[in-house]
Amino acid sequence: MFKYFKGSLIFTMLCLAIGAWLGWEITHDIAGTLGVLWIILVLGVLETSLSFDNAVVNATVLRDMDAKWRRRFLTWGIIIAVFGMRIVFPLVIVGIAAHLGPIDALKLAATDPVNYERIITGAHVGISGFGGAFLGMVGLTFFLDEDKHLNWIGLIERPLGALSQISGLAIGLVLLALYGISRLIAPADAMTFIAAGIFGLVAYIAVQAIGSVLESDDDAEGSDGATAATAAVAKAGLAAFLYLEVLDASFSFDGVIGAFALSNNLFIIALGLGIGAMFVRSMTVMLVDRGTLTEYRFLEHGAFYAIVALAAIMLLSVRFEIPETVTGLIGAAFIGLAFLASVRSNRAEACDVVTATGDHIHR
């Protein structure tokens, strides 16, 4: 197991070293420096523990990627996750909201963290609309799939599978959710919320479209040669990589906003959440290599139930204050129940095999 988390542990040590330097530069005090290191560790642990459903969903995509793209997910992906989502994304939000350029937004984060926090949290409505709509599409598309034959909670999943013939049903459900929740908030926020949600839908459709275009290109080539096969693998890997990065971004929105409860320093937050992001990627690769999703057949279902729940919570959070801990506990509950259901199913299947074998020998 150590081999999967070796890189994450090294990355953690590096982040803590940077955090120690940063803490000393900010406080010029040992106690203050230790306090900064403690915040970084807490953020890392929270991000890791609350993102297991993210790791499971990532693993469902990553298991179909070749070894090269898996390595890129761990290298390029972590750069995008840490620097893109934890540093660049908040700066972009602040720049847009405050009409600042990139350099001015960075200066604001470094010199006026209180005002920086105010601007970021003020963008919560738009972030929740975008992330909630995207994750809602991810979760609903899994259940509204006519080719999905394995059901965990049949009472829910069988009727949804039967409705999969209705074109655009997932989009319609998400749009209805956006409209219904928008009626509960102020008109100005409602417009922002709906617009952000529409962009979330467009982002999901765009990612799916890229994958479809790349697959259609492969079919059009129609060659059996090694070069064509290599190109097909590369295109499929690229499409899956893009999907994973947008998915990871949607998962991280709440974490980035929620981290301000512990610190309003952009760089401290980036270090803590970056540690969590690295461990999530390590868990993802471990789940794929060990075939955990195949062995525990309902684990994937539990993760997608957690995604639907997270999407609903993100959308409702524009009207109701929902602690991030509650979100994490709901996700953990779905994953845990799915794991137990998988264990019971495996035991029942093993008993059936033993019974059938015994009857055959007896005869």
Protein backbone atom coordinates (compact mmCIF):
# COMPACT_ATOMS: atom_id res chain seq x y z
CA MET A 1 0.00 0.00 0.00
CA PHE A 2 2.92 2.32 0.75
CA LYS A 3 3.85 2.50 -2.94
CA TYR A 4 0.53 4.19 -3.74
CA PHE A 5 0.96 6.88 -1.09
CA LYS A 6 4.72 7.40 -1.29
CA GLY A 7 4.36 10.39 -3.63
CA SER A 8 1.55 11.85 -1.49
CA LEU A 9 3.66 11.60 1.66
CA ILE A 10 6.63 13.29 -0.03
CA PHE A 11 4.29 16.00 -1.34
CA THR A 12 2.91 16.44 2.20
CA MET A 13 6.39 16.94 3.62
CA LEU A 14 7.14 19.52 0.93
CA CYS A 15 3.89 21.39 1.64
CA LEU A 16 4.59 21.37 5.38
CA ALA A 17 8.09 22.74 4.78
CA ILE A 18 6.65 25.55 2.67
CA GLY A 19 3.96 26.06 5.31
CA ALA A 20 6.57 26.37 8.06
CA TRP A 21 8.43 29.03 6.07
CA LEU A 22 5.16 30.83 5.29
CA GLY A 23 4.02 30.66 8.92
CA TRP A 24 7.26 32.15 10.14
CA GLU A 25 7.12 34.93 7.52
CA ILE A 26 3.56 35.79 8.60
CA THR A 27 3.87 35.49 12.40
CA HIS A 28 7.64 35.55 13.22
CA ASP A 29 6.65 33.29 16.09
CA ILE A 30 7.06 29.56 16.77
CA ALA A 31 3.55 29.21 18.16
CA GLY A 32 2.13 31.04 15.16
CA THR A 33 4.11 28.86 12.78
CA LEU A 34 2.86 25.70 14.49
CA GLY A 35 -0.67 27.08 14.21
CA VAL A 36 -0.27 27.49 10.44
CA LEU A 37 1.08 23.92 10.14
CA TRP A 38 -1.88 22.64 12.16
CA ILE A 39 -4.36 24.38 9.82
CA ILE A 40 -2.61 22.89 6.78
CA LEU A 41 -2.78 19.39 8.27
CA VAL A 42 -6.45 19.77 9.26
CA LEU A 43 -7.37 21.01 5.77
CA GLY A 44 -5.48 18.08 4.22
CA VAL A 45 -7.21 15.51 6.43
CA LEU A 46 -10.66 17.05 5.85
CA GLU A 47 -10.17 17.20 2.08
CA THR A 48 -9.03 13.56 2.00
CA SER A 49 -11.72 12.16 4.29
CA LEU A 50 -14.57 14.08 2.66
CA SER A 51 -13.49 13.21 -0.90
CA PHE A 52 -13.52 9.42 -0.90
CA ASP A 53 -16.58 9.46 -3.15
CA ASN A 54 -14.53 11.59 -5.54
CA ALA A 55 -11.81 8.93 -5.55
CA VAL A 56 -14.33 6.16 -6.30
CA VAL A 57 -15.90 8.08 -9.19
CA ASN A 58 -12.45 8.96 -10.54
CA ALA A 59 -11.55 5.28 -10.39
CA THR A 60 -14.54 4.35 -12.57
CA VAL A 61 -13.06 6.54 -15.32
CA LEU A 62 -9.39 5.85 -14.65
CA ARG A 63 -9.72 2.05 -14.85
CA ASP A 64 -10.39 2.34 -18.60
CA MET A 65 -7.34 4.55 -19.20
CA ASP A 66 -3.92 3.20 -20.14
CA ALA A 67 -0.88 3.44 -17.83
CA LYS A 68 0.47 6.56 -19.57
CA TRP A 69 -2.70 8.58 -18.97
CA ARG A 70 -2.89 7.34 -15.40
CA ARG A 71 0.59 8.76 -14.81
CA ARG A 72 -0.47 12.02 -16.43
CA PHE A 73 -3.48 12.15 -14.13
CA LEU A 74 -1.09 11.92 -11.17
CA THR A 75 1.40 14.48 -12.54
CA TRP A 76 -0.35 16.99 -14.79
CA GLY A 77 -3.59 16.43 -12.90
CA ILE A 78 -2.15 17.31 -9.52
CA ILE A 79 -0.63 20.50 -10.96
CA ILE A 80 -4.06 21.48 -12.27
CA ALA A 81 -5.74 20.45 -9.01
CA VAL A 82 -3.38 22.31 -6.68
CA PHE A 83 -2.33 25.37 -8.66
CA GLY A 84 -5.33 25.57 -10.98
CA MET A 85 -8.23 24.98 -8.61
CA ARG A 86 -6.69 26.02 -5.29
CA ILE A 87 -4.80 29.14 -6.42
CA VAL A 88 -5.69 30.26 -9.96
CA PHE A 89 -9.44 29.60 -9.72
CA PRO A 90 -10.00 31.72 -6.56
CA LEU A 91 -7.89 34.50 -8.07
CA VAL A 92 -9.98 34.41 -11.25
CA ILE A 93 -13.18 34.64 -9.18
CA VAL A 94 -11.80 37.61 -7.23
CA GLY A 95 -10.57 39.26 -10.43
CA ILE A 96 -13.96 38.97 -12.10
CA ALA A 97 -15.95 40.01 -9.03
CA ALA A 98 -13.73 42.98 -8.15
CA HIS A 99 -12.78 43.90 -11.74
CA LEU A 100 -9.09 43.31 -11.03
CA GLY A 101 -6.28 42.03 -13.18
CA PRO A 102 -4.40 38.81 -12.26
CA ILE A 103 -1.52 40.66 -10.56
CA ASP A 104 -3.85 42.93 -8.58
CA ALA A 105 -5.95 39.94 -7.51
CA LEU A 106 -2.79 38.17 -6.29
CA LYS A 107 -1.71 41.30 -4.39
CA LEU A 108 -5.14 41.51 -2.79
CA ALA A 109 -4.90 37.88 -1.64
CA ALA A 110 -1.43 38.48 -0.20
CA THR A 111 -1.99 41.86 1.44
CA ASP A 112 -5.71 42.02 2.28
CA PRO A 113 -6.92 38.47 3.04
CA VAL A 114 -10.07 39.71 4.83
CA ASN A 115 -11.34 41.54 1.74
CA TYR A 116 -10.21 38.62 -0.43
CA GLU A 117 -12.28 36.21 1.70
CA ARG A 118 -15.31 38.50 1.48
CA ILE A 119 -15.17 38.54 -2.33
CA ILE A 120 -14.69 34.76 -2.60
CA THR A 121 -17.54 33.91 -0.25
CA GLY A 122 -19.69 36.46 -2.06
CA ALA A 123 -19.28 34.37 -5.22
CA HIS A 124 -20.81 31.34 -3.47
CA VAL A 125 -24.11 31.58 -5.36
CA GLY A 126 -22.50 31.28 -8.79
CA ILE A 127 -20.06 28.58 -7.72
CA SER A 128 -22.85 26.49 -6.19
CA GLY A 129 -24.99 26.85 -9.31
CA PHE A 130 -22.20 25.72 -11.63
CA GLY A 131 -20.88 22.89 -9.46
CA GLY A 132 -24.31 21.64 -8.43
CA ALA A 133 -25.56 21.50 -12.03
CA PHE A 134 -22.44 19.72 -13.31
CA LEU A 135 -22.41 17.14 -10.51
CA GLY A 136 -26.16 16.67 -10.85
CA MET A 137 -25.66 15.71 -14.49
CA VAL A 138 -22.85 13.31 -13.56
CA GLY A 139 -24.97 11.55 -10.95
CA LEU A 140 -28.25 11.43 -12.89
CA THR A 141 -26.56 10.20 -16.07
CA PHE A 142 -25.23 7.19 -14.18
CA PHE A 143 -28.71 6.14 -13.04
CA LEU A 144 -30.52 7.14 -16.26
CA ASP A 145 -28.59 4.55 -18.27
CA GLU A 146 -30.41 1.84 -20.18
CA ASP A 147 -27.23 -0.26 -20.30
CA LYS A 148 -26.87 -0.36 -16.50
CA HIS A 149 -28.02 -3.82 -15.45
CA LEU A 150 -26.63 -4.09 -11.91
CA ASN A 151 -28.79 -2.34 -9.30
CA TRP A 152 -28.05 -1.73 -5.65
CA ILE A 153 -31.33 -0.12 -4.50
CA GLY A 154 -33.68 -1.59 -7.09
CA LEU A 155 -36.71 0.34 -5.84
CA ILE A 156 -35.02 3.54 -7.01
CA GLU A 157 -32.71 2.41 -9.78
CA ARG A 158 -35.06 0.21 -11.82
CA PRO A 159 -37.62 2.99 -12.44
CA LEU A 160 -34.82 5.42 -13.31
CA GLY A 161 -33.37 2.90 -15.74
CA ALA A 162 -36.79 2.56 -17.38
CA LEU A 163 -36.92 6.35 -17.82
CA SER A 164 -33.56 6.37 -19.62
CA GLN A 165 -35.38 6.25 -22.97
CA ILE A 166 -36.57 9.84 -22.43
CA SER A 167 -34.06 12.06 -24.21
CA GLY A 168 -32.71 14.97 -22.17
CA LEU A 169 -34.45 13.93 -18.95
CA ALA A 170 -31.37 14.59 -16.79
CA ILE A 171 -31.02 18.11 -18.22
CA GLY A 172 -34.70 18.77 -17.62
CA LEU A 173 -34.48 17.63 -13.99
CA VAL A 174 -31.44 19.82 -13.32
CA LEU A 175 -33.12 22.85 -14.95
CA LEU A 176 -36.23 22.32 -12.82
CA ALA A 177 -34.06 22.13 -9.69
CA LEU A 178 -32.27 25.36 -10.67
CA TYR A 179 -35.56 27.14 -11.29
CA GLY A 180 -37.21 25.88 -8.10
CA ILE A 181 -34.31 26.88 -5.85
CA SER A 182 -33.93 30.24 -7.60
CA ARG A 183 -37.45 31.11 -6.42
CA LEU A 184 -36.21 30.86 -2.82
CA ILE A 185 -33.50 33.53 -3.11
CA ALA A 186 -33.26 37.21 -4.00
CA PRO A 187 -33.93 38.07 -7.68
CA ALA A 188 -30.38 39.35 -8.29
CA ASP A 189 -28.87 36.16 -6.85
CA ALA A 190 -31.45 34.05 -8.69
CA MET A 191 -30.24 35.33 -12.06
CA THR A 192 -26.62 34.60 -11.16
CA PHE A 193 -27.58 31.16 -9.85
CA ILE A 194 -29.50 30.12 -12.96
CA ALA A 195 -26.85 31.50 -15.34
CA ALA A 196 -24.08 29.65 -13.48
CA GLY A 197 -26.16 26.47 -13.50
CA ILE A 198 -26.67 26.73 -17.26
CA PHE A 199 -22.92 27.10 -17.72
CA GLY A 200 -22.49 23.98 -15.56
CA LEU A 201 -24.82 22.10 -17.92
CA VAL A 202 -22.95 23.43 -20.94
CA ALA A 203 -19.62 22.36 -19.39
CA TYR A 204 -20.94 18.82 -18.92
CA ILE A 205 -22.29 18.67 -22.46
CA ALA A 206 -19.03 20.09 -23.83
CA VAL A 207 -16.91 17.47 -22.07
CA GLN A 208 -19.18 14.69 -23.33
CA ALA A 209 -19.10 16.19 -26.83
CA ILE A 210 -15.29 16.22 -26.87
CA GLY A 211 -15.28 12.54 -25.99
CA SER A 212 -17.86 11.74 -28.69
CA VAL A 213 -15.93 13.69 -31.34
CA LEU A 214 -12.68 11.91 -30.50
CA GLU A 215 -14.43 8.53 -30.61
CA SER A 216 -16.07 9.34 -33.96
CA ASP A 217 -12.66 10.29 -35.35
CA ASP A 218 -11.35 6.90 -34.32
CA ASP A 219 -14.26 5.13 -36.04
CA ALA A 220 -13.80 7.20 -39.21
CA GLU A 221 -10.14 6.23 -39.49
CA GLY A 222 -11.12 2.57 -39.64
CA SER A 223 -7.51 1.36 -39.63
CA ASP A 224 -6.22 -1.76 -37.93
CA GLY A 225 -2.63 -0.57 -37.80
CA ALA A 226 -0.60 0.00 -34.65
CA THR A 227 -0.46 3.74 -35.30
CA ALA A 228 -4.24 4.02 -35.47
CA ALA A 229 -4.62 1.93 -32.32
CA THR A 230 -2.15 4.14 -30.46
CA ALA A 231 -3.97 7.28 -31.63
CA ALA A 232 -7.30 5.83 -30.46
CA VAL A 233 -5.90 5.13 -26.99
CA ALA A 234 -4.41 8.62 -26.79
CA LYS A 235 -7.69 10.29 -27.80
CA ALA A 236 -9.71 8.21 -25.35
CA GLY A 237 -7.20 9.04 -22.63
CA LEU A 238 -7.39 12.76 -23.42
CA ALA A 239 -11.19 12.78 -23.29
CA ALA A 240 -11.22 10.91 -19.96
CA PHE A 241 -8.50 13.20 -18.57
CA LEU A 242 -10.54 16.33 -19.40
CA TYR A 243 -13.65 14.79 -17.85
CA LEU A 244 -11.75 13.91 -14.66
CA GLU A 245 -10.33 17.41 -14.31
CA VAL A 246 -13.74 19.11 -14.65
CA LEU A 247 -15.22 16.56 -12.26
CA ASP A 248 -12.45 17.19 -9.73
CA ALA A 249 -13.00 20.93 -10.07
CA SER A 250 -16.71 20.55 -9.31
CA PHE A 251 -15.93 18.43 -6.25
CA SER A 252 -13.42 20.98 -4.98
CA PHE A 253 -15.66 24.07 -5.16
CA ASP A 254 -17.20 23.48 -1.72
CA GLY A 255 -13.83 22.64 -0.20
CA VAL A 256 -12.25 25.87 -1.43
CA ILE A 257 -15.09 27.97 -0.03
CA GLY A 258 -15.38 25.98 3.21
CA ALA A 259 -11.63 26.26 3.89
CA PHE A 260 -12.09 29.94 4.73
CA ALA A 261 -13.65 28.82 8.02
CA LEU A 262 -10.10 27.90 9.10
CA SER A 263 -7.98 30.49 7.26
CA ASN A 264 -8.38 33.39 4.85
CA ASN A 265 -4.85 33.02 3.51
CA LEU A 266 -4.89 31.81 -0.11
CA PHE A 267 -1.54 30.04 0.16
CA ILE A 268 -2.27 28.22 3.43
CA ILE A 269 -5.55 26.98 1.96
CA ALA A 270 -3.80 25.87 -1.25
CA LEU A 271 -1.19 23.88 0.70
CA GLY A 272 -3.78 22.11 2.87
CA LEU A 273 -6.24 21.32 0.10
CA GLY A 274 -3.36 20.37 -2.20
CA ILE A 275 -2.31 17.64 0.25
CA GLY A 276 -5.87 16.31 0.22
CA ALA A 277 -6.03 16.42 -3.58
CA MET A 278 -2.83 14.39 -3.83
CA PHE A 279 -4.09 11.70 -1.45
CA VAL A 280 -7.40 11.49 -3.35
CA ARG A 281 -5.42 10.78 -6.53
CA SER A 282 -3.35 8.13 -4.77
CA MET A 283 -6.52 6.46 -3.48
CA THR A 284 -7.96 6.56 -6.99
CA VAL A 285 -4.97 4.72 -8.48
CA MET A 286 -5.00 2.17 -5.64
CA LEU A 287 -8.70 1.42 -6.20
CA VAL A 288 -8.01 0.83 -9.90
CA ASP A 289 -4.88 -1.31 -9.48
CA ARG A 290 -6.44 -3.51 -6.81
CA GLY A 291 -9.69 -3.97 -8.71
CA THR A 292 -11.67 -2.78 -5.71
CA LEU A 293 -14.63 -1.57 -7.78
CA THR A 294 -14.95 -4.99 -9.39
CA GLU A 295 -14.62 -6.84 -6.09
CA TYR A 296 -17.10 -4.60 -4.27
CA ARG A 297 -19.74 -4.24 -6.95
CA PHE A 298 -22.00 -1.64 -5.29
CA LEU A 299 -19.20 0.75 -4.29
CA GLU A 300 -19.63 2.65 -7.56
CA HIS A 301 -23.37 2.97 -6.93
CA GLY A 302 -22.73 4.39 -3.47
CA ALA A 303 -20.35 6.99 -4.90
CA PHE A 304 -22.91 8.18 -7.46
CA TYR A 305 -25.63 8.39 -4.80
CA ALA A 306 -23.17 10.55 -2.86
CA ILE A 307 -22.64 12.71 -5.95
CA VAL A 308 -26.38 13.28 -6.37
CA ALA A 309 -26.59 14.18 -2.67
CA LEU A 310 -23.61 16.56 -2.98
CA ALA A 311 -25.18 18.21 -6.03
CA ALA A 312 -28.45 18.73 -4.16
CA ILE A 313 -26.60 20.15 -1.14
CA MET A 314 -24.56 22.53 -3.31
CA LEU A 315 -27.70 23.83 -4.98
CA LEU A 316 -29.62 24.18 -1.70
CA SER A 317 -26.67 25.86 0.03
CA VAL A 318 -27.54 29.15 -1.68
CA ARG A 319 -30.61 29.28 0.56
CA PHE A 320 -29.76 27.06 3.53
CA GLU A 321 -26.52 26.90 5.51
CA ILE A 322 -25.33 23.30 5.38
CA PRO A 323 -22.04 22.47 7.17
CA GLU A 324 -19.43 20.76 5.02
CA THR A 325 -19.16 18.04 7.68
CA VAL A 326 -22.78 17.04 7.00
CA THR A 327 -21.98 16.75 3.29
CA GLY A 328 -18.99 14.53 4.05
CA LEU A 329 -20.95 12.34 6.45
CA ILE A 330 -23.70 11.76 3.88
CA GLY A 331 -21.12 10.76 1.28
CA ALA A 332 -19.34 8.48 3.77
CA ALA A 333 -22.67 6.87 4.73
CA PHE A 334 -23.50 6.01 1.10
CA ILE A 335 -20.00 4.60 0.52
CA GLY A 336 -20.10 2.60 3.76
CA LEU A 337 -23.55 1.14 3.10
CA ALA A 338 -22.57 0.26 -0.47
CA PHE A 339 -19.44 -1.48 0.81
CA LEU A 340 -21.46 -3.54 3.32
CA ALA A 341 -24.01 -4.43 0.65
CA SER A 342 -21.17 -5.58 -1.63
CA VAL A 343 -19.70 -7.77 1.12
CA ARG A 344 -23.08 -9.37 1.80
CA SER A 345 -23.65 -9.93 -1.91
CA ASN A 346 -20.21 -11.55 -2.32
CA ARG A 347 -20.84 -13.87 0.65
CA ALA A 348 -24.28 -14.85 -0.66
CA GLU A 349 -22.80 -15.56 -4.08
CA ALA A 350 -20.02 -17.65 -2.54
CA CYS A 351 -22.57 -19.65 -0.52
CA ASP A 352 -24.60 -20.28 -3.68
CA VAL A 353 -21.51 -21.56 -5.47
CA VAL A 354 -20.62 -23.88 -2.57
CA THR A 355 -24.20 -25.15 -2.37
CA ALA A 356 -24.39 -25.75 -6.12
CA THR A 357 -21.04 -27.56 -6.09
CA GLY A 358 -22.12 -29.69 -3.14
CA ASP A 359 -25.37 -30.69 -4.89
CA HIS A 360 -23.44 -31.62 -8.02
CA ILE A 361 -21.03 -33.85 -6.07
CA HIS A 362 -23.89 -35.44 -4.15
CA ARG A 363 -25.64 -36.35 -7.37
